[in-house]
Amino acid sequence: CLGGRLVNSTECSGRVEIRHGDTWGSLCASHWDLQDANVLCHQLNCGYAELILGGAHFGEGSGTVWSDTFHCEGTEPCLWDCFRMALGNPACSPRDTASVICS
């Protein structure tokens, strides 16, 4: 499972970043939900998602903000196993990045 990580807090909580090609960027919070977060927490060996947060709770990050939408059921082994739509570039503010606190 590559292409997903948490930054700016602890190993098991933080701002969600995903990678496209060689470029890491924050994930827009608008379509991020608890099922998606559960998959990422599990992928990072961090148990389950306890809380999802928007509004740049763990900082705004720098660079790209990806607007991907993940449609996870919550049981997939990797975020990239979920049905995913890359929404291109609808405006997403760096102040609206997805975050998660895992158990």
PDB file of N, CA and C in Angstrom:
ATOM      1  N   CYS A   1       0.842  -1.187   0.000  1.00  0.00           N
ATOM      2  CA  CYS A   1       0.000   0.000   0.000  1.00  0.00           C
ATOM      3  C   CYS A   1       0.881   1.243   0.000  1.00  0.00           C
ATOM      4  N   LEU A   2       0.936   1.909  -1.094  1.00  0.00           N
ATOM      5  CA  LEU A   2       1.697   3.144  -1.164  1.00  0.00           C
ATOM      6  C   LEU A   2       0.749   4.284  -1.504  1.00  0.00           C
ATOM      7  N   GLY A   3       1.239   5.485  -1.372  1.00  0.00           N
ATOM      8  CA  GLY A   3       0.479   6.621  -1.872  1.00  0.00           C
ATOM      9  C   GLY A   3      -0.429   7.300  -0.876  1.00  0.00           C
ATOM     10  N   GLY A   4      -0.357   6.917   0.404  1.00  0.00           N
ATOM     11  CA  GLY A   4      -1.139   7.611   1.421  1.00  0.00           C
ATOM     12  C   GLY A   4      -0.326   7.736   2.690  1.00  0.00           C
ATOM     13  N   ARG A   5      -0.426   8.876   3.354  1.00  0.00           N
ATOM     14  CA  ARG A   5       0.312   9.064   4.606  1.00  0.00           C
ATOM     15  C   ARG A   5      -0.367  10.139   5.442  1.00  0.00           C
ATOM     16  N   LEU A   6       0.034  10.191   6.711  1.00  0.00           N
ATOM     17  CA  LEU A   6      -0.427  11.225   7.625  1.00  0.00           C
ATOM     18  C   LEU A   6       0.772  12.074   8.019  1.00  0.00           C
ATOM     19  N   VAL A   7       0.605  13.374   8.027  1.00  0.00           N
ATOM     20  CA  VAL A   7       1.726  14.272   8.324  1.00  0.00           C
ATOM     21  C   VAL A   7       1.320  15.319   9.354  1.00  0.00           C
ATOM     22  N   ASN A   8       2.325  15.890   9.988  1.00  0.00           N
ATOM     23  CA  ASN A   8       2.188  17.063  10.838  1.00  0.00           C
ATOM     24  C   ASN A   8       1.615  16.778  12.221  1.00  0.00           C
ATOM     25  N   SER A   9       1.632  15.520  12.656  1.00  0.00           N
ATOM     26  CA  SER A   9       1.214  15.235  14.017  1.00  0.00           C
ATOM     27  C   SER A   9       1.983  14.013  14.492  1.00  0.00           C
ATOM     28  N   THR A  10       1.289  12.884  14.689  1.00  0.00           N
ATOM     29  CA  THR A  10       1.962  11.658  15.108  1.00  0.00           C
ATOM     30  C   THR A  10       1.907  10.653  13.962  1.00  0.00           C
ATOM     31  N   GLU A  11       2.460   9.493  14.205  1.00  0.00           N
ATOM     32  CA  GLU A  11       2.456   8.445  13.188  1.00  0.00           C
ATOM     33  C   GLU A  11       1.027   8.044  12.811  1.00  0.00           C
ATOM     34  N   CYS A  12       0.102   8.158  13.762  1.00  0.00           N
ATOM     35  CA  CYS A  12      -1.262   7.671  13.544  1.00  0.00           C
ATOM     36  C   CYS A  12      -2.326   8.758  13.629  1.00  0.00           C
ATOM     37  N   SER A  13      -1.924   9.982  13.437  1.00  0.00           N
ATOM     38  CA  SER A  13      -2.895  11.066  13.285  1.00  0.00           C
ATOM     39  C   SER A  13      -2.230  12.175  12.480  1.00  0.00           C
ATOM     40  N   GLY A  14      -3.044  12.945  11.810  1.00  0.00           N
ATOM     41  CA  GLY A  14      -2.459  14.052  11.055  1.00  0.00           C
ATOM     42  C   GLY A  14      -3.246  14.397   9.817  1.00  0.00           C
ATOM     43  N   ARG A  15      -2.647  15.274   9.014  1.00  0.00           N
ATOM     44  CA  ARG A  15      -3.240  15.685   7.749  1.00  0.00           C
ATOM     45  C   ARG A  15      -3.028  14.574   6.727  1.00  0.00           C
ATOM     46  N   VAL A  16      -4.057  14.305   5.960  1.00  0.00           N
ATOM     47  CA  VAL A  16      -3.985  13.249   4.949  1.00  0.00           C
ATOM     48  C   VAL A  16      -3.275  13.780   3.709  1.00  0.00           C
ATOM     49  N   GLU A  17      -2.248  13.064   3.283  1.00  0.00           N
ATOM     50  CA  GLU A  17      -1.602  13.363   2.011  1.00  0.00           C
ATOM     51  C   GLU A  17      -1.656  12.136   1.124  1.00  0.00           C
ATOM     52  N   ILE A  18      -1.881  12.367  -0.161  1.00  0.00           N
ATOM     53  CA  ILE A  18      -1.841  11.286  -1.140  1.00  0.00           C
ATOM     54  C   ILE A  18      -0.878  11.673  -2.254  1.00  0.00           C
ATOM     55  N   ARG A  19      -0.442  10.661  -2.974  1.00  0.00           N
ATOM     56  CA  ARG A  19       0.563  10.886  -4.011  1.00  0.00           C
ATOM     57  C   ARG A  19       0.000  10.556  -5.385  1.00  0.00           C
ATOM     58  N   HIS A  20       0.230  11.459  -6.304  1.00  0.00           N
ATOM     59  CA  HIS A  20      -0.025  11.207  -7.726  1.00  0.00           C
ATOM     60  C   HIS A  20       1.330  11.283  -8.413  1.00  0.00           C
ATOM     61  N   GLY A  21       1.762  10.191  -9.003  1.00  0.00           N
ATOM     62  CA  GLY A  21       3.085  10.171  -9.628  1.00  0.00           C
ATOM     63  C   GLY A  21       4.132  10.414  -8.554  1.00  0.00           C
ATOM     64  N   ASP A  22       4.923  11.439  -8.705  1.00  0.00           N
ATOM     65  CA  ASP A  22       5.948  11.767  -7.722  1.00  0.00           C
ATOM     66  C   ASP A  22       5.526  12.918  -6.813  1.00  0.00           C
ATOM     67  N   THR A  23       4.284  13.359  -6.931  1.00  0.00           N
ATOM     68  CA  THR A  23       3.859  14.555  -6.225  1.00  0.00           C
ATOM     69  C   THR A  23       2.930  14.235  -5.067  1.00  0.00           C
ATOM     70  N   TRP A  24       3.395  14.562  -3.859  1.00  0.00           N
ATOM     71  CA  TRP A  24       2.547  14.429  -2.676  1.00  0.00           C
ATOM     72  C   TRP A  24       1.751  15.714  -2.500  1.00  0.00           C
ATOM     73  N   GLY A  25       0.520  15.581  -2.068  1.00  0.00           N
ATOM     74  CA  GLY A  25      -0.287  16.758  -1.777  1.00  0.00           C
ATOM     75  C   GLY A  25      -1.339  16.417  -0.738  1.00  0.00           C
ATOM     76  N   SER A  26      -1.856  17.446  -0.097  1.00  0.00           N
ATOM     77  CA  SER A  26      -2.926  17.254   0.880  1.00  0.00           C
ATOM     78  C   SER A  26      -4.198  16.833   0.153  1.00  0.00           C
ATOM     79  N   LEU A  27      -5.093  16.188   0.888  1.00  0.00           N
ATOM     80  CA  LEU A  27      -6.367  15.760   0.317  1.00  0.00           C
ATOM     81  C   LEU A  27      -7.463  16.713   0.765  1.00  0.00           C
ATOM     82  N   CYS A  28      -8.275  17.145  -0.167  1.00  0.00           N
ATOM     83  CA  CYS A  28      -9.399  18.021   0.150  1.00  0.00           C
ATOM     84  C   CYS A  28     -10.373  17.282   1.064  1.00  0.00           C
ATOM     85  N   ALA A  29     -10.908  17.986   2.054  1.00  0.00           N
ATOM     86  CA  ALA A  29     -11.782  17.354   3.045  1.00  0.00           C
ATOM     87  C   ALA A  29     -13.213  17.152   2.564  1.00  0.00           C
ATOM     88  N   SER A  30     -13.576  17.758   1.435  1.00  0.00           N
ATOM     89  CA  SER A  30     -14.997  17.812   1.071  1.00  0.00           C
ATOM     90  C   SER A  30     -15.646  16.442   0.864  1.00  0.00           C
ATOM     91  N   HIS A  31     -14.901  15.445   0.431  1.00  0.00           N
ATOM     92  CA  HIS A  31     -15.496  14.123   0.205  1.00  0.00           C
ATOM     93  C   HIS A  31     -14.887  13.048   1.110  1.00  0.00           C
ATOM     94  N   TRP A  32     -14.103  13.432   2.086  1.00  0.00           N
ATOM     95  CA  TRP A  32     -13.426  12.487   2.973  1.00  0.00           C
ATOM     96  C   TRP A  32     -14.399  12.047   4.054  1.00  0.00           C
ATOM     97  N   ASP A  33     -14.550  10.734   4.245  1.00  0.00           N
ATOM     98  CA  ASP A  33     -15.471  10.272   5.276  1.00  0.00           C
ATOM     99  C   ASP A  33     -14.827   9.192   6.144  1.00  0.00           C
ATOM    100  N   LEU A  34     -15.584   8.721   7.127  1.00  0.00           N
ATOM    101  CA  LEU A  34     -15.036   7.802   8.115  1.00  0.00           C
ATOM    102  C   LEU A  34     -14.622   6.467   7.491  1.00  0.00           C
ATOM    103  N   GLN A  35     -15.358   6.000   6.480  1.00  0.00           N
ATOM    104  CA  GLN A  35     -14.980   4.757   5.809  1.00  0.00           C
ATOM    105  C   GLN A  35     -13.625   4.903   5.117  1.00  0.00           C
ATOM    106  N   ASP A  36     -13.434   6.027   4.433  1.00  0.00           N
ATOM    107  CA  ASP A  36     -12.154   6.285   3.767  1.00  0.00           C
ATOM    108  C   ASP A  36     -11.034   6.320   4.806  1.00  0.00           C
ATOM    109  N   ALA A  37     -11.300   7.023   5.900  1.00  0.00           N
ATOM    110  CA  ALA A  37     -10.298   7.177   6.953  1.00  0.00           C
ATOM    111  C   ALA A  37      -9.958   5.828   7.586  1.00  0.00           C
ATOM    112  N   ASN A  38     -10.961   4.965   7.756  1.00  0.00           N
ATOM    113  CA  ASN A  38     -10.722   3.633   8.309  1.00  0.00           C
ATOM    114  C   ASN A  38      -9.726   2.855   7.473  1.00  0.00           C
ATOM    115  N   VAL A  39      -9.883   2.929   6.154  1.00  0.00           N
ATOM    116  CA  VAL A  39      -8.984   2.207   5.254  1.00  0.00           C
ATOM    117  C   VAL A  39      -7.556   2.737   5.387  1.00  0.00           C
ATOM    118  N   LEU A  40      -7.413   4.059   5.432  1.00  0.00           N
ATOM    119  CA  LEU A  40      -6.070   4.632   5.555  1.00  0.00           C
ATOM    120  C   LEU A  40      -5.443   4.272   6.898  1.00  0.00           C
ATOM    121  N   CYS A  41      -6.211   4.352   7.981  1.00  0.00           N
ATOM    122  CA  CYS A  41      -5.670   3.989   9.303  1.00  0.00           C
ATOM    123  C   CYS A  41      -5.194   2.539   9.299  1.00  0.00           C
ATOM    124  N   HIS A  42      -6.014   1.656   8.750  1.00  0.00           N
ATOM    125  CA  HIS A  42      -5.650   0.237   8.699  1.00  0.00           C
ATOM    126  C   HIS A  42      -4.410   0.029   7.838  1.00  0.00           C
ATOM    127  N   GLN A  43      -4.363   0.731   6.714  1.00  0.00           N
ATOM    128  CA  GLN A  43      -3.225   0.637   5.793  1.00  0.00           C
ATOM    129  C   GLN A  43      -1.927   1.043   6.495  1.00  0.00           C
ATOM    130  N   LEU A  44      -2.013   1.988   7.429  1.00  0.00           N
ATOM    131  CA  LEU A  44      -0.824   2.495   8.126  1.00  0.00           C
ATOM    132  C   LEU A  44      -0.575   1.757   9.446  1.00  0.00           C
ATOM    133  N   ASN A  45      -1.289   0.621   9.644  1.00  0.00           N
ATOM    134  CA  ASN A  45      -1.173  -0.151  10.885  1.00  0.00           C
ATOM    135  C   ASN A  45      -1.496   0.695  12.112  1.00  0.00           C
ATOM    136  N   CYS A  46      -2.536   1.516  11.979  1.00  0.00           N
ATOM    137  CA  CYS A  46      -2.936   2.426  13.056  1.00  0.00           C
ATOM    138  C   CYS A  46      -4.339   2.140  13.562  1.00  0.00           C
ATOM    139  N   GLY A  47      -4.817   0.921  13.377  1.00  0.00           N
ATOM    140  CA  GLY A  47      -6.139   0.581  13.894  1.00  0.00           C
ATOM    141  C   GLY A  47      -7.247   1.180  13.056  1.00  0.00           C
ATOM    142  N   TYR A  48      -8.201   1.802  13.726  1.00  0.00           N
ATOM    143  CA  TYR A  48      -9.387   2.330  13.070  1.00  0.00           C
ATOM    144  C   TYR A  48      -9.451   3.839  13.213  1.00  0.00           C
ATOM    145  N   ALA A  49     -10.228   4.451  12.354  1.00  0.00           N
ATOM    146  CA  ALA A  49     -10.416   5.902  12.421  1.00  0.00           C
ATOM    147  C   ALA A  49     -11.343   6.228  13.580  1.00  0.00           C
ATOM    148  N   GLU A  50     -10.895   7.091  14.472  1.00  0.00           N
ATOM    149  CA  GLU A  50     -11.734   7.537  15.579  1.00  0.00           C
ATOM    150  C   GLU A  50     -12.440   8.840  15.251  1.00  0.00           C
ATOM    151  N   LEU A  51     -11.763   9.699  14.496  1.00  0.00           N
ATOM    152  CA  LEU A  51     -12.292  11.025  14.251  1.00  0.00           C
ATOM    153  C   LEU A  51     -11.726  11.555  12.944  1.00  0.00           C
ATOM    154  N   ILE A  52     -12.589  12.121  12.119  1.00  0.00           N
ATOM    155  CA  ILE A  52     -12.086  12.816  10.939  1.00  0.00           C
ATOM    156  C   ILE A  52     -12.308  14.306  11.144  1.00  0.00           C
ATOM    157  N   LEU A  53     -11.386  15.084  10.638  1.00  0.00           N
ATOM    158  CA  LEU A  53     -11.401  16.521  10.852  1.00  0.00           C
ATOM    159  C   LEU A  53     -11.138  17.221   9.533  1.00  0.00           C
ATOM    160  N   GLY A  54     -11.803  18.326   9.332  1.00  0.00           N
ATOM    161  CA  GLY A  54     -11.512  19.171   8.191  1.00  0.00           C
ATOM    162  C   GLY A  54     -10.911  20.474   8.696  1.00  0.00           C
ATOM    163  N   GLY A  55     -10.905  21.460   7.840  1.00  0.00           N
ATOM    164  CA  GLY A  55     -10.481  22.775   8.266  1.00  0.00           C
ATOM    165  C   GLY A  55      -9.021  22.892   8.632  1.00  0.00           C
ATOM    166  N   ALA A  56      -8.174  22.099   7.982  1.00  0.00           N
ATOM    167  CA  ALA A  56      -6.724  22.195   8.198  1.00  0.00           C
ATOM    168  C   ALA A  56      -6.368  22.073   9.674  1.00  0.00           C
ATOM    169  N   HIS A  57      -6.979  21.120  10.350  1.00  0.00           N
ATOM    170  CA  HIS A  57      -6.732  20.906  11.779  1.00  0.00           C
ATOM    171  C   HIS A  57      -5.252  20.677  12.079  1.00  0.00           C
ATOM    172  N   PHE A  58      -4.559  19.993  11.177  1.00  0.00           N
ATOM    173  CA  PHE A  58      -3.125  19.727  11.342  1.00  0.00           C
ATOM    174  C   PHE A  58      -2.288  20.570  10.382  1.00  0.00           C
ATOM    175  N   GLY A  59      -2.742  21.765  10.102  1.00  0.00           N
ATOM    176  CA  GLY A  59      -1.972  22.662   9.243  1.00  0.00           C
ATOM    177  C   GLY A  59      -2.451  22.626   7.807  1.00  0.00           C
ATOM    178  N   GLU A  60      -2.108  23.666   7.092  1.00  0.00           N
ATOM    179  CA  GLU A  60      -2.569  23.794   5.709  1.00  0.00           C
ATOM    180  C   GLU A  60      -1.723  23.010   4.723  1.00  0.00           C
ATOM    181  N   GLY A  61      -0.494  22.715   5.102  1.00  0.00           N
ATOM    182  CA  GLY A  61       0.376  22.057   4.139  1.00  0.00           C
ATOM    183  C   GLY A  61       0.809  23.048   3.079  1.00  0.00           C
ATOM    184  N   SER A  62       1.588  22.572   2.162  1.00  0.00           N
ATOM    185  CA  SER A  62       2.034  23.443   1.085  1.00  0.00           C
ATOM    186  C   SER A  62       1.895  22.675  -0.210  1.00  0.00           C
ATOM    187  N   GLY A  63       1.835  23.395  -1.291  1.00  0.00           N
ATOM    188  CA  GLY A  63       1.750  22.734  -2.586  1.00  0.00           C
ATOM    189  C   GLY A  63       0.339  22.326  -2.931  1.00  0.00           C
ATOM    190  N   THR A  64       0.223  21.216  -3.620  1.00  0.00           N
ATOM    191  CA  THR A  64      -1.026  20.770  -4.214  1.00  0.00           C
ATOM    192  C   THR A  64      -2.042  20.340  -3.170  1.00  0.00           C
ATOM    193  N   VAL A  65      -3.302  20.648  -3.421  1.00  0.00           N
ATOM    194  CA  VAL A  65      -4.402  20.047  -2.668  1.00  0.00           C
ATOM    195  C   VAL A  65      -5.202  19.206  -3.663  1.00  0.00           C
ATOM    196  N   TRP A  66      -5.130  17.895  -3.522  1.00  0.00           N
ATOM    197  CA  TRP A  66      -5.841  16.989  -4.436  1.00  0.00           C
ATOM    198  C   TRP A  66      -7.319  16.936  -4.077  1.00  0.00           C
ATOM    199  N   SER A  67      -8.156  16.848  -5.086  1.00  0.00           N
ATOM    200  CA  SER A  67      -9.603  16.815  -4.869  1.00  0.00           C
ATOM    201  C   SER A  67     -10.188  15.434  -5.141  1.00  0.00           C
ATOM    202  N   ASP A  68      -9.386  14.402  -4.997  1.00  0.00           N
ATOM    203  CA  ASP A  68      -9.876  13.048  -5.255  1.00  0.00           C
ATOM    204  C   ASP A  68     -11.035  12.697  -4.322  1.00  0.00           C
ATOM    205  N   THR A  69     -11.916  11.870  -4.835  1.00  0.00           N
ATOM    206  CA  THR A  69     -13.002  11.333  -4.030  1.00  0.00           C
ATOM    207  C   THR A  69     -12.810   9.835  -3.927  1.00  0.00           C
ATOM    208  N   PHE A  70     -12.690   9.337  -2.712  1.00  0.00           N
ATOM    209  CA  PHE A  70     -12.603   7.898  -2.483  1.00  0.00           C
ATOM    210  C   PHE A  70     -13.970   7.404  -2.024  1.00  0.00           C
ATOM    211  N   HIS A  71     -14.387   6.272  -2.584  1.00  0.00           N
ATOM    212  CA  HIS A  71     -15.640   5.655  -2.170  1.00  0.00           C
ATOM    213  C   HIS A  71     -15.301   4.306  -1.544  1.00  0.00           C
ATOM    214  N   CYS A  72     -14.844   4.335  -0.307  1.00  0.00           N
ATOM    215  CA  CYS A  72     -14.432   3.113   0.383  1.00  0.00           C
ATOM    216  C   CYS A  72     -15.609   2.535   1.160  1.00  0.00           C
ATOM    217  N   GLU A  73     -15.612   1.213   1.267  1.00  0.00           N
ATOM    218  CA  GLU A  73     -16.583   0.565   2.148  1.00  0.00           C
ATOM    219  C   GLU A  73     -16.029   0.474   3.560  1.00  0.00           C
ATOM    220  N   GLY A  74     -14.722   0.640   3.691  1.00  0.00           N
ATOM    221  CA  GLY A  74     -14.090   0.595   5.000  1.00  0.00           C
ATOM    222  C   GLY A  74     -13.328  -0.678   5.260  1.00  0.00           C
ATOM    223  N   THR A  75     -13.456  -1.659   4.354  1.00  0.00           N
ATOM    224  CA  THR A  75     -12.815  -2.957   4.560  1.00  0.00           C
ATOM    225  C   THR A  75     -11.669  -3.214   3.578  1.00  0.00           C
ATOM    226  N   GLU A  76     -11.454  -2.294   2.644  1.00  0.00           N
ATOM    227  CA  GLU A  76     -10.394  -2.489   1.652  1.00  0.00           C
ATOM    228  C   GLU A  76      -9.020  -2.439   2.324  1.00  0.00           C
ATOM    229  N   PRO A  77      -8.041  -3.200   1.803  1.00  0.00           N
ATOM    230  CA  PRO A  77      -6.709  -3.193   2.412  1.00  0.00           C
ATOM    231  C   PRO A  77      -5.935  -1.899   2.171  1.00  0.00           C
ATOM    232  N   CYS A  78      -6.196  -1.224   1.066  1.00  0.00           N
ATOM    233  CA  CYS A  78      -5.462  -0.005   0.722  1.00  0.00           C
ATOM    234  C   CYS A  78      -6.438   1.038   0.192  1.00  0.00           C
ATOM    235  N   LEU A  79      -6.108   2.293   0.419  1.00  0.00           N
ATOM    236  CA  LEU A  79      -6.930   3.380  -0.104  1.00  0.00           C
ATOM    237  C   LEU A  79      -7.114   3.253  -1.612  1.00  0.00           C
ATOM    238  N   TRP A  80      -6.058   2.805  -2.300  1.00  0.00           N
ATOM    239  CA  TRP A  80      -6.109   2.723  -3.765  1.00  0.00           C
ATOM    240  C   TRP A  80      -6.936   1.549  -4.259  1.00  0.00           C
ATOM    241  N   ASP A  81      -7.421   0.681  -3.323  1.00  0.00           N
ATOM    242  CA  ASP A  81      -8.324  -0.399  -3.708  1.00  0.00           C
ATOM    243  C   ASP A  81      -9.772   0.075  -3.727  1.00  0.00           C
ATOM    244  N   CYS A  82     -10.021   1.236  -3.172  1.00  0.00           N
ATOM    245  CA  CYS A  82     -11.375   1.798  -3.181  1.00  0.00           C
ATOM    246  C   CYS A  82     -11.668   2.365  -4.559  1.00  0.00           C
ATOM    247  N   PHE A  83     -12.955   2.454  -4.878  1.00  0.00           N
ATOM    248  CA  PHE A  83     -13.329   3.158  -6.099  1.00  0.00           C
ATOM    249  C   PHE A  83     -12.941   4.621  -5.906  1.00  0.00           C
ATOM    250  N   ARG A  84     -12.231   5.170  -6.878  1.00  0.00           N
ATOM    251  CA  ARG A  84     -11.693   6.520  -6.720  1.00  0.00           C
ATOM    252  C   ARG A  84     -11.972   7.334  -7.963  1.00  0.00           C
ATOM    253  N   MET A  85     -12.345   8.572  -7.771  1.00  0.00           N
ATOM    254  CA  MET A  85     -12.475   9.501  -8.880  1.00  0.00           C
ATOM    255  C   MET A  85     -11.549  10.678  -8.624  1.00  0.00           C
ATOM    256  N   ALA A  86     -10.701  10.943  -9.578  1.00  0.00           N
ATOM    257  CA  ALA A  86      -9.875  12.141  -9.510  1.00  0.00           C
ATOM    258  C   ALA A  86     -10.692  13.261 -10.143  1.00  0.00           C
ATOM    259  N   LEU A  87     -11.060  14.220  -9.332  1.00  0.00           N
ATOM    260  CA  LEU A  87     -11.977  15.251  -9.803  1.00  0.00           C
ATOM    261  C   LEU A  87     -11.267  16.370 -10.540  1.00  0.00           C
ATOM    262  N   GLY A  88     -10.008  16.142 -10.894  1.00  0.00           N
ATOM    263  CA  GLY A  88      -9.295  17.190 -11.590  1.00  0.00           C
ATOM    264  C   GLY A  88      -8.962  18.305 -10.620  1.00  0.00           C
ATOM    265  N   ASN A  89      -9.397  19.509 -10.909  1.00  0.00           N
ATOM    266  CA  ASN A  89      -8.981  20.616 -10.074  1.00  0.00           C
ATOM    267  C   ASN A  89     -10.125  21.539  -9.680  1.00  0.00           C
ATOM    268  N   PRO A  90     -11.189  20.989  -9.042  1.00  0.00           N
ATOM    269  CA  PRO A  90     -12.147  21.943  -8.492  1.00  0.00           C
ATOM    270  C   PRO A  90     -11.455  22.686  -7.359  1.00  0.00           C
ATOM    271  N   ALA A  91     -11.822  23.930  -7.188  1.00  0.00           N
ATOM    272  CA  ALA A  91     -11.133  24.729  -6.179  1.00  0.00           C
ATOM    273  C   ALA A  91     -11.308  24.110  -4.800  1.00  0.00           C
ATOM    274  N   CYS A  92     -10.212  23.877  -4.142  1.00  0.00           N
ATOM    275  CA  CYS A  92     -10.248  23.411  -2.756  1.00  0.00           C
ATOM    276  C   CYS A  92      -9.209  24.219  -2.003  1.00  0.00           C
ATOM    277  N   SER A  93      -9.650  24.855  -0.961  1.00  0.00           N
ATOM    278  CA  SER A  93      -8.759  25.721  -0.201  1.00  0.00           C
ATOM    279  C   SER A  93      -7.785  24.899   0.630  1.00  0.00           C
ATOM    280  N   PRO A  94      -6.543  25.349   0.775  1.00  0.00           N
ATOM    281  CA  PRO A  94      -5.609  24.692   1.699  1.00  0.00           C
ATOM    282  C   PRO A  94      -6.128  24.725   3.133  1.00  0.00           C
ATOM    283  N   ARG A  95      -7.139  25.561   3.386  1.00  0.00           N
ATOM    284  CA  ARG A  95      -7.727  25.615   4.721  1.00  0.00           C
ATOM    285  C   ARG A  95      -8.790  24.539   4.898  1.00  0.00           C
ATOM    286  N   ASP A  96      -9.011  23.718   3.881  1.00  0.00           N
ATOM    287  CA  ASP A  96     -10.027  22.663   3.960  1.00  0.00           C
ATOM    288  C   ASP A  96      -9.417  21.305   3.633  1.00  0.00           C
ATOM    289  N   THR A  97      -8.333  20.977   4.320  1.00  0.00           N
ATOM    290  CA  THR A  97      -7.668  19.699   4.080  1.00  0.00           C
ATOM    291  C   THR A  97      -8.165  18.633   5.054  1.00  0.00           C
ATOM    292  N   ALA A  98      -8.161  17.399   4.588  1.00  0.00           N
ATOM    293  CA  ALA A  98      -8.665  16.270   5.373  1.00  0.00           C
ATOM    294  C   ALA A  98      -7.636  15.850   6.424  1.00  0.00           C
ATOM    295  N   SER A  99      -8.144  15.471   7.588  1.00  0.00           N
ATOM    296  CA  SER A  99      -7.300  14.940   8.652  1.00  0.00           C
ATOM    297  C   SER A  99      -8.004  13.773   9.310  1.00  0.00           C
ATOM    298  N   VAL A 100      -7.226  12.948  10.011  1.00  0.00           N
ATOM    299  CA  VAL A 100      -7.818  11.818  10.726  1.00  0.00           C
ATOM    300  C   VAL A 100      -7.010  11.539  11.985  1.00  0.00           C
ATOM    301  N   ILE A 101      -7.707  11.110  13.009  1.00  0.00           N
ATOM    302  CA  ILE A 101      -7.077  10.578  14.218  1.00  0.00           C
ATOM    303  C   ILE A 101      -7.444   9.107  14.288  1.00  0.00           C
ATOM    304  N   CYS A 102      -6.440   8.250  14.224  1.00  0.00           N
ATOM    305  CA  CYS A 102      -6.653   6.809  14.272  1.00  0.00           C
ATOM    306  C   CYS A 102      -6.533   6.313  15.717  1.00  0.00           C
ATOM    307  N   SER A 103      -7.077   5.128  15.953  1.00  0.00           N
ATOM    308  CA  SER A 103      -7.064   4.576  17.307  1.00  0.00           C
ATOM    309  C   SER A 103      -5.690   4.084  17.702  1.00  0.00           C
TER     310      SER A 103
END
